[in-house]
PDB file of all heavy atoms in Angstrom:
ATOM      1  N   GLU A   1      96.435  29.518 122.855  1.00  0.00           N
ATOM      2  CA  GLU A   1      97.297  30.573 123.380  1.00  0.00           C
ATOM      3  C   GLU A   1      96.501  31.608 124.153  1.00  0.00           C
ATOM      4  O   GLU A   1      96.960  32.161 125.141  1.00  0.00           O
ATOM      5  CB  GLU A   1      98.061  31.242 122.239  1.00  0.00           C
ATOM      6  CG  GLU A   1      99.058  30.300 121.586  1.00  0.00           C
ATOM      7  CD  GLU A   1      99.837  30.957 120.464  1.00  0.00           C
ATOM      8  OE1 GLU A   1      99.947  32.202 120.462  1.00  0.00           O
ATOM      9  OE2 GLU A   1     100.327  30.219 119.601  1.00  0.00           O
ATOM     10  N   ARG A   2      95.289  31.890 123.695  1.00  0.00           N
ATOM     11  CA  ARG A   2      94.425  32.835 124.395  1.00  0.00           C
ATOM     12  C   ARG A   2      93.006  32.689 123.856  1.00  0.00           C
ATOM     13  O   ARG A   2      92.794  32.204 122.741  1.00  0.00           O
ATOM     14  CB  ARG A   2      94.925  34.252 124.243  1.00  0.00           C
ATOM     15  CG  ARG A   2      94.694  34.850 122.877  1.00  0.00           C
ATOM     16  CD  ARG A   2      95.230  36.261 122.825  1.00  0.00           C
ATOM     17  NE  ARG A   2      94.434  37.073 121.946  1.00  0.00           N
ATOM     18  CZ  ARG A   2      94.922  37.928 121.086  1.00  0.00           C
ATOM     19  NH1 ARG A   2      96.210  38.116 121.016  1.00  0.00           N
ATOM     20  NH2 ARG A   2      94.146  38.636 120.316  1.00  0.00           N
ATOM     21  N   LEU A   3      92.054  33.130 124.643  1.00  0.00           N
ATOM     22  CA  LEU A   3      90.659  33.167 124.233  1.00  0.00           C
ATOM     23  C   LEU A   3      90.230  34.626 124.253  1.00  0.00           C
ATOM     24  O   LEU A   3      90.491  35.339 125.212  1.00  0.00           O
ATOM     25  CB  LEU A   3      89.795  32.353 125.205  1.00  0.00           C
ATOM     26  CG  LEU A   3      90.174  30.886 125.343  1.00  0.00           C
ATOM     27  CD1 LEU A   3      89.380  30.240 126.466  1.00  0.00           C
ATOM     28  CD2 LEU A   3      89.945  30.149 124.039  1.00  0.00           C
ATOM     29  N   PHE A   4      89.590  35.072 123.197  1.00  0.00           N
ATOM     30  CA  PHE A   4      89.214  36.474 123.099  1.00  0.00           C
ATOM     31  C   PHE A   4      87.823  36.573 122.498  1.00  0.00           C
ATOM     32  O   PHE A   4      87.611  36.184 121.350  1.00  0.00           O
ATOM     33  CB  PHE A   4      90.236  37.225 122.231  1.00  0.00           C
ATOM     34  CG  PHE A   4      89.925  38.691 122.043  1.00  0.00           C
ATOM     35  CD1 PHE A   4      90.031  39.573 123.102  1.00  0.00           C
ATOM     36  CD2 PHE A   4      89.547  39.178 120.812  1.00  0.00           C
ATOM     37  CE1 PHE A   4      89.755  40.912 122.935  1.00  0.00           C
ATOM     38  CE2 PHE A   4      89.269  40.519 120.630  1.00  0.00           C
ATOM     39  CZ  PHE A   4      89.374  41.398 121.703  1.00  0.00           C
ATOM     40  N   GLY A   5      86.878  37.039 123.297  1.00  0.00           N
ATOM     41  CA  GLY A   5      85.516  37.218 122.816  1.00  0.00           C
ATOM     42  C   GLY A   5      85.348  38.607 122.225  1.00  0.00           C
ATOM     43  O   GLY A   5      86.034  39.551 122.607  1.00  0.00           O
ATOM     44  N   SER A   6      84.456  38.734 121.285  1.00  0.00           N
ATOM     45  CA  SER A   6      84.226  40.021 120.648  1.00  0.00           C
ATOM     46  C   SER A   6      82.730  40.253 120.484  1.00  0.00           C
ATOM     47  O   SER A   6      81.984  39.334 120.147  1.00  0.00           O
ATOM     48  CB  SER A   6      84.892  40.047 119.270  1.00  0.00           C
ATOM     49  OG  SER A   6      84.510  41.209 118.556  1.00  0.00           O
ATOM     50  N   ASN A   7      82.302  41.484 120.710  1.00  0.00           N
ATOM     51  CA  ASN A   7      80.896  41.827 120.478  1.00  0.00           C
ATOM     52  C   ASN A   7      80.713  42.534 119.136  1.00  0.00           C
ATOM     53  O   ASN A   7      79.668  43.077 118.843  1.00  0.00           O
ATOM     54  CB  ASN A   7      80.369  42.696 121.619  1.00  0.00           C
ATOM     55  CG  ASN A   7      81.108  44.000 121.751  1.00  0.00           C
ATOM     56  OD1 ASN A   7      81.857  44.412 120.867  1.00  0.00           O
ATOM     57  ND2 ASN A   7      80.911  44.670 122.875  1.00  0.00           N
ATOM     58  N   GLU A   8      81.737  42.486 118.303  1.00  0.00           N
ATOM     59  CA  GLU A   8      81.725  43.212 117.033  1.00  0.00           C
ATOM     60  C   GLU A   8      80.548  42.797 116.131  1.00  0.00           C
ATOM     61  O   GLU A   8      79.846  43.653 115.586  1.00  0.00           O
ATOM     62  CB  GLU A   8      83.044  43.003 116.305  1.00  0.00           C
ATOM     63  CG  GLU A   8      83.180  43.816 115.034  1.00  0.00           C
ATOM     64  CD  GLU A   8      84.535  43.613 114.369  1.00  0.00           C
ATOM     65  OE1 GLU A   8      85.418  42.940 114.928  1.00  0.00           O
ATOM     66  OE2 GLU A   8      84.685  44.140 113.270  1.00  0.00           O
ATOM     67  N   LYS A   9      80.319  41.493 115.985  1.00  0.00           N
ATOM     68  CA  LYS A   9      79.257  41.044 115.073  1.00  0.00           C
ATOM     69  C   LYS A   9      77.869  41.400 115.583  1.00  0.00           C
ATOM     70  O   LYS A   9      77.029  41.867 114.814  1.00  0.00           O
ATOM     71  CB  LYS A   9      79.346  39.528 114.842  1.00  0.00           C
ATOM     72  CG  LYS A   9      80.438  39.139 113.889  1.00  0.00           C
ATOM     73  CD  LYS A   9      80.415  37.650 113.617  1.00  0.00           C
ATOM     74  CE  LYS A   9      81.505  37.241 112.663  1.00  0.00           C
ATOM     75  NZ  LYS A   9      81.502  35.802 112.407  1.00  0.00           N
ATOM     76  N   ILE A  10      77.630  41.193 116.879  1.00  0.00           N
ATOM     77  CA  ILE A  10      76.287  41.527 117.381  1.00  0.00           C
ATOM     78  C   ILE A  10      76.035  43.021 117.295  1.00  0.00           C
ATOM     79  O   ILE A  10      74.925  43.457 116.993  1.00  0.00           O
ATOM     80  CB  ILE A  10      76.035  40.983 118.809  1.00  0.00           C
ATOM     81  CG1 ILE A  10      74.551  41.028 119.102  1.00  0.00           C
ATOM     82  CG2 ILE A  10      76.832  41.733 119.858  1.00  0.00           C
ATOM     83  CD1 ILE A  10      74.078  40.081 120.137  1.00  0.00           C
ATOM     84  N   SER A  11      77.068  43.812 117.509  1.00  0.00           N
ATOM     85  CA  SER A  11      76.915  45.259 117.372  1.00  0.00           C
ATOM     86  C   SER A  11      76.627  45.646 115.925  1.00  0.00           C
ATOM     87  O   SER A  11      75.762  46.480 115.652  1.00  0.00           O
ATOM     88  CB  SER A  11      78.181  45.978 117.849  1.00  0.00           C
ATOM     89  OG  SER A  11      78.372  45.781 119.218  1.00  0.00           O
ATOM     90  N   LYS A  12      77.326  45.012 115.014  1.00  0.00           N
ATOM     91  CA  LYS A  12      77.173  45.331 113.588  1.00  0.00           C
ATOM     92  C   LYS A  12      75.794  44.948 113.067  1.00  0.00           C
ATOM     93  O   LYS A  12      75.156  45.717 112.349  1.00  0.00           O
ATOM     94  CB  LYS A  12      78.252  44.606 112.787  1.00  0.00           C
ATOM     95  CG  LYS A  12      78.167  44.816 111.295  1.00  0.00           C
ATOM     96  CD  LYS A  12      79.262  44.054 110.576  1.00  0.00           C
ATOM     97  CE  LYS A  12      79.128  44.184 109.079  1.00  0.00           C
ATOM     98  NZ  LYS A  12      80.161  43.415 108.372  1.00  0.00           N
ATOM     99  N   PHE A  13      75.305  43.763 113.437  1.00  0.00           N
ATOM    100  CA  PHE A  13      74.064  43.255 112.850  1.00  0.00           C
ATOM    101  C   PHE A  13      72.804  43.640 113.621  1.00  0.00           C
ATOM    102  O   PHE A  13      71.698  43.478 113.103  1.00  0.00           O
ATOM    103  CB  PHE A  13      74.144  41.744 112.690  1.00  0.00           C
ATOM    104  CG  PHE A  13      75.160  41.314 111.669  1.00  0.00           C
ATOM    105  CD1 PHE A  13      76.281  40.601 112.040  1.00  0.00           C
ATOM    106  CD2 PHE A  13      75.016  41.649 110.322  1.00  0.00           C
ATOM    107  CE1 PHE A  13      77.229  40.203 111.099  1.00  0.00           C
ATOM    108  CE2 PHE A  13      75.955  41.270 109.379  1.00  0.00           C
ATOM    109  CZ  PHE A  13      77.065  40.548 109.774  1.00  0.00           C
ATOM    110  N   THR A  14      72.945  44.125 114.836  1.00  0.00           N
ATOM    111  CA  THR A  14      71.744  44.448 115.617  1.00  0.00           C
ATOM    112  C   THR A  14      71.744  45.862 116.180  1.00  0.00           C
ATOM    113  O   THR A  14      70.787  46.256 116.825  1.00  0.00           O
ATOM    114  CB  THR A  14      71.599  43.472 116.810  1.00  0.00           C
ATOM    115  OG1 THR A  14      72.672  43.715 117.731  1.00  0.00           O
ATOM    116  CG2 THR A  14      71.581  42.037 116.369  1.00  0.00           C
ATOM    117  N   ASN A  15      72.809  46.590 115.954  1.00  0.00           N
ATOM    118  CA  ASN A  15      72.956  47.933 116.521  1.00  0.00           C
ATOM    119  C   ASN A  15      72.983  47.917 118.051  1.00  0.00           C
ATOM    120  O   ASN A  15      72.703  48.925 118.696  1.00  0.00           O
ATOM    121  CB  ASN A  15      71.864  48.882 116.021  1.00  0.00           C
ATOM    122  CG  ASN A  15      71.982  49.144 114.547  1.00  0.00           C
ATOM    123  OD1 ASN A  15      73.084  49.327 114.033  1.00  0.00           O
ATOM    124  ND2 ASN A  15      70.863  49.133 113.845  1.00  0.00           N
ATOM    125  N   TRP A  16      73.298  46.776 118.624  1.00  0.00           N
ATOM    126  CA  TRP A  16      73.429  46.661 120.073  1.00  0.00           C
ATOM    127  C   TRP A  16      74.665  47.409 120.538  1.00  0.00           C
ATOM    128  O   TRP A  16      75.697  47.401 119.877  1.00  0.00           O
ATOM    129  CB  TRP A  16      73.549  45.187 120.467  1.00  0.00           C
ATOM    130  CG  TRP A  16      73.825  44.983 121.932  1.00  0.00           C
ATOM    131  CD1 TRP A  16      72.911  44.924 122.927  1.00  0.00           C
ATOM    132  CD2 TRP A  16      75.106  44.828 122.546  1.00  0.00           C
ATOM    133  NE1 TRP A  16      73.546  44.737 124.124  1.00  0.00           N
ATOM    134  CE2 TRP A  16      74.892  44.679 123.922  1.00  0.00           C
ATOM    135  CE3 TRP A  16      76.420  44.809 122.067  1.00  0.00           C
ATOM    136  CZ2 TRP A  16      75.927  44.499 124.826  1.00  0.00           C
ATOM    137  CZ3 TRP A  16      77.457  44.642 122.959  1.00  0.00           C
ATOM    138  CH2 TRP A  16      77.207  44.481 124.330  1.00  0.00           C
ATOM    139  N   THR A  17      74.545  48.059 121.678  1.00  0.00           N
ATOM    140  CA  THR A  17      75.701  48.679 122.320  1.00  0.00           C
ATOM    141  C   THR A  17      75.655  48.353 123.805  1.00  0.00           C
ATOM    142  O   THR A  17      74.578  48.246 124.398  1.00  0.00           O
ATOM    143  CB  THR A  17      75.725  50.214 122.151  1.00  0.00           C
ATOM    144  OG1 THR A  17      74.532  50.759 122.702  1.00  0.00           O
ATOM    145  CG2 THR A  17      75.864  50.613 120.700  1.00  0.00           C
ATOM    146  N   SER A  18      76.800  48.201 124.378  1.00  0.00           N
ATOM    147  CA  SER A  18      76.907  47.904 125.798  1.00  0.00           C
ATOM    148  C   SER A  18      76.502  49.116 126.621  1.00  0.00           C
ATOM    149  O   SER A  18      76.837  50.251 126.275  1.00  0.00           O
ATOM    150  CB  SER A  18      78.346  47.506 126.137  1.00  0.00           C
ATOM    151  OG  SER A  18      78.481  47.333 127.524  1.00  0.00           O
ATOM    152  N   GLU A  19      75.794  48.868 127.705  1.00  0.00           N
ATOM    153  CA  GLU A  19      75.414  49.957 128.605  1.00  0.00           C
ATOM    154  C   GLU A  19      76.446  50.150 129.706  1.00  0.00           C
ATOM    155  O   GLU A  19      76.361  51.118 130.461  1.00  0.00           O
ATOM    156  CB  GLU A  19      74.052  49.659 129.226  1.00  0.00           C
ATOM    157  CG  GLU A  19      72.926  49.615 128.222  1.00  0.00           C
ATOM    158  CD  GLU A  19      71.587  49.315 128.862  1.00  0.00           C
ATOM    159  OE1 GLU A  19      71.436  49.541 130.080  1.00  0.00           O
ATOM    160  OE2 GLU A  19      70.699  48.836 128.150  1.00  0.00           O
ATOM    161  N   TYR A  20      77.382  49.220 129.824  1.00  0.00           N
ATOM    162  CA  TYR A  20      78.347  49.243 130.916  1.00  0.00           C
ATOM    163  C   TYR A  20      79.769  49.102 130.396  1.00  0.00           C
ATOM    164  O   TYR A  20      80.017  48.366 129.458  1.00  0.00           O
ATOM    165  CB  TYR A  20      78.106  48.061 131.873  1.00  0.00           C
ATOM    166  CG  TYR A  20      76.776  48.092 132.561  1.00  0.00           C
ATOM    167  CD1 TYR A  20      75.670  47.466 131.992  1.00  0.00           C
ATOM    168  CD2 TYR A  20      76.619  48.737 133.770  1.00  0.00           C
ATOM    169  CE1 TYR A  20      74.447  47.485 132.621  1.00  0.00           C
ATOM    170  CE2 TYR A  20      75.402  48.760 134.416  1.00  0.00           C
ATOM    171  CZ  TYR A  20      74.313  48.132 133.836  1.00  0.00           C
ATOM    172  OH  TYR A  20      73.104  48.152 134.473  1.00  0.00           O
ATOM    173  N   SER A  21      80.685  49.766 131.067  1.00  0.00           N
ATOM    174  CA  SER A  21      82.091  49.450 130.871  1.00  0.00           C
ATOM    175  C   SER A  21      82.369  48.223 131.743  1.00  0.00           C
ATOM    176  O   SER A  21      81.548  47.865 132.603  1.00  0.00           O
ATOM    177  CB  SER A  21      82.967  50.618 131.339  1.00  0.00           C
ATOM    178  OG  SER A  21      82.882  50.763 132.751  1.00  0.00           O
ATOM    179  N   PHE A  22      83.501  47.590 131.564  1.00  0.00           N
ATOM    180  CA  PHE A  22      83.834  46.449 132.417  1.00  0.00           C
ATOM    181  C   PHE A  22      83.838  46.882 133.882  1.00  0.00           C
ATOM    182  O   PHE A  22      83.263  46.223 134.746  1.00  0.00           O
ATOM    183  CB  PHE A  22      85.197  45.866 132.032  1.00  0.00           C
ATOM    184  CG  PHE A  22      85.559  44.676 132.863  1.00  0.00           C
ATOM    185  CD1 PHE A  22      85.131  43.410 132.499  1.00  0.00           C
ATOM    186  CD2 PHE A  22      86.295  44.823 134.024  1.00  0.00           C
ATOM    187  CE1 PHE A  22      85.430  42.315 133.280  1.00  0.00           C
ATOM    188  CE2 PHE A  22      86.607  43.734 134.815  1.00  0.00           C
ATOM    189  CZ  PHE A  22      86.171  42.471 134.441  1.00  0.00           C
ATOM    190  N   ASP A  23      84.472  48.010 134.158  1.00  0.00           N
ATOM    191  CA  ASP A  23      84.594  48.478 135.543  1.00  0.00           C
ATOM    192  C   ASP A  23      83.244  48.812 136.166  1.00  0.00           C
ATOM    193  O   ASP A  23      82.989  48.458 137.316  1.00  0.00           O
ATOM    194  CB  ASP A  23      85.521  49.687 135.613  1.00  0.00           C
ATOM    195  CG  ASP A  23      86.973  49.329 135.334  1.00  0.00           C
ATOM    196  OD1 ASP A  23      87.345  48.156 135.545  1.00  0.00           O
ATOM    197  OD2 ASP A  23      87.730  50.210 134.900  1.00  0.00           O
ATOM    198  N   SER A  24      82.362  49.477 135.420  1.00  0.00           N
ATOM    199  CA  SER A  24      81.059  49.818 136.002  1.00  0.00           C
ATOM    200  C   SER A  24      80.193  48.570 136.183  1.00  0.00           C
ATOM    201  O   SER A  24      79.445  48.464 137.152  1.00  0.00           O
ATOM    202  CB  SER A  24      80.333  50.879 135.161  1.00  0.00           C
ATOM    203  OG  SER A  24      79.981  50.384 133.885  1.00  0.00           O
ATOM    204  N   GLY A  25      80.307  47.607 135.276  1.00  0.00           N
ATOM    205  CA  GLY A  25      79.578  46.351 135.431  1.00  0.00           C
ATOM    206  C   GLY A  25      80.076  45.563 136.628  1.00  0.00           C
ATOM    207  O   GLY A  25      79.289  44.988 137.386  1.00  0.00           O
ATOM    208  N   LEU A  26      81.395  45.545 136.826  1.00  0.00           N
ATOM    209  CA  LEU A  26      81.975  44.867 137.978  1.00  0.00           C
ATOM    210  C   LEU A  26      81.522  45.548 139.265  1.00  0.00           C
ATOM    211  O   LEU A  26      81.113  44.887 140.223  1.00  0.00           O
ATOM    212  CB  LEU A  26      83.495  44.870 137.877  1.00  0.00           C
ATOM    213  CG  LEU A  26      84.247  44.194 139.015  1.00  0.00           C
ATOM    214  CD1 LEU A  26      83.862  42.724 139.123  1.00  0.00           C
ATOM    215  CD2 LEU A  26      85.748  44.332 138.794  1.00  0.00           C
ATOM    216  N   GLU A  27      81.539  46.860 139.281  1.00  0.00           N
ATOM    217  CA  GLU A  27      81.104  47.622 140.454  1.00  0.00           C
ATOM    218  C   GLU A  27      79.650  47.314 140.800  1.00  0.00           C
ATOM    219  O   GLU A  27      79.303  47.103 141.966  1.00  0.00           O
ATOM    220  CB  GLU A  27      81.285  49.115 140.174  1.00  0.00           C
ATOM    221  CG  GLU A  27      80.944  50.019 141.324  1.00  0.00           C
ATOM    222  CD  GLU A  27      81.156  51.481 140.958  1.00  0.00           C
ATOM    223  OE1 GLU A  27      82.235  51.824 140.426  1.00  0.00           O
ATOM    224  OE2 GLU A  27      80.241  52.275 141.200  1.00  0.00           O
ATOM    225  N   GLU A  28      78.791  47.267 139.791  1.00  0.00           N
ATOM    226  CA  GLU A  28      77.373  46.981 140.038  1.00  0.00           C
ATOM    227  C   GLU A  28      77.174  45.540 140.515  1.00  0.00           C
ATOM    228  O   GLU A  28      76.348  45.271 141.386  1.00  0.00           O
ATOM    229  CB  GLU A  28      76.546  47.241 138.774  1.00  0.00           C
ATOM    230  CG  GLU A  28      75.064  47.157 139.045  1.00  0.00           C
ATOM    231  CD  GLU A  28      74.222  47.733 137.938  1.00  0.00           C
ATOM    232  OE1 GLU A  28      74.615  48.754 137.340  1.00  0.00           O
ATOM    233  OE2 GLU A  28      73.151  47.157 137.674  1.00  0.00           O
ATOM    234  N   THR A  29      77.930  44.601 139.967  1.00  0.00           N
ATOM    235  CA  THR A  29      77.838  43.200 140.392  1.00  0.00           C
ATOM    236  C   THR A  29      78.268  43.047 141.846  1.00  0.00           C
ATOM    237  O   THR A  29      77.584  42.366 142.641  1.00  0.00           O
ATOM    238  CB  THR A  29      78.705  42.309 139.481  1.00  0.00           C
ATOM    239  OG1 THR A  29      78.228  42.436 138.139  1.00  0.00           O
ATOM    240  CG2 THR A  29      78.644  40.853 139.914  1.00  0.00           C
ATOM    241  N   ILE A  30      79.362  43.669 142.221  1.00  0.00           N
ATOM    242  CA  ILE A  30      79.836  43.596 143.610  1.00  0.00           C
ATOM    243  C   ILE A  30      78.811  44.228 144.541  1.00  0.00           C
ATOM    244  O   ILE A  30      78.498  43.685 145.606  1.00  0.00           O
ATOM    245  CB  ILE A  30      81.216  44.271 143.747  1.00  0.00           C
ATOM    246  CG1 ILE A  30      82.276  43.429 143.023  1.00  0.00           C
ATOM    247  CG2 ILE A  30      81.579  44.471 145.214  1.00  0.00           C
ATOM    248  CD1 ILE A  30      83.612  44.113 142.856  1.00  0.00           C
ATOM    249  N   SER A  31      78.251  45.331 144.137  1.00  0.00           N
ATOM    250  CA  SER A  31      77.219  45.996 144.935  1.00  0.00           C
ATOM    251  C   SER A  31      76.015  45.066 145.131  1.00  0.00           C
ATOM    252  O   SER A  31      75.445  44.990 146.221  1.00  0.00           O
ATOM    253  CB  SER A  31      76.796  47.296 144.249  1.00  0.00           C
ATOM    254  OG  SER A  31      75.767  47.920 144.959  1.00  0.00           O
TER     255      SER A  31
END
């Protein structure tokens, strides 16, 4: 019905946090 990825586990176990929002990452990729 749908595919949904989550960064919840990597954040929980490694204290990783994203440096980009989807929009800012898309903007940088297009640039």
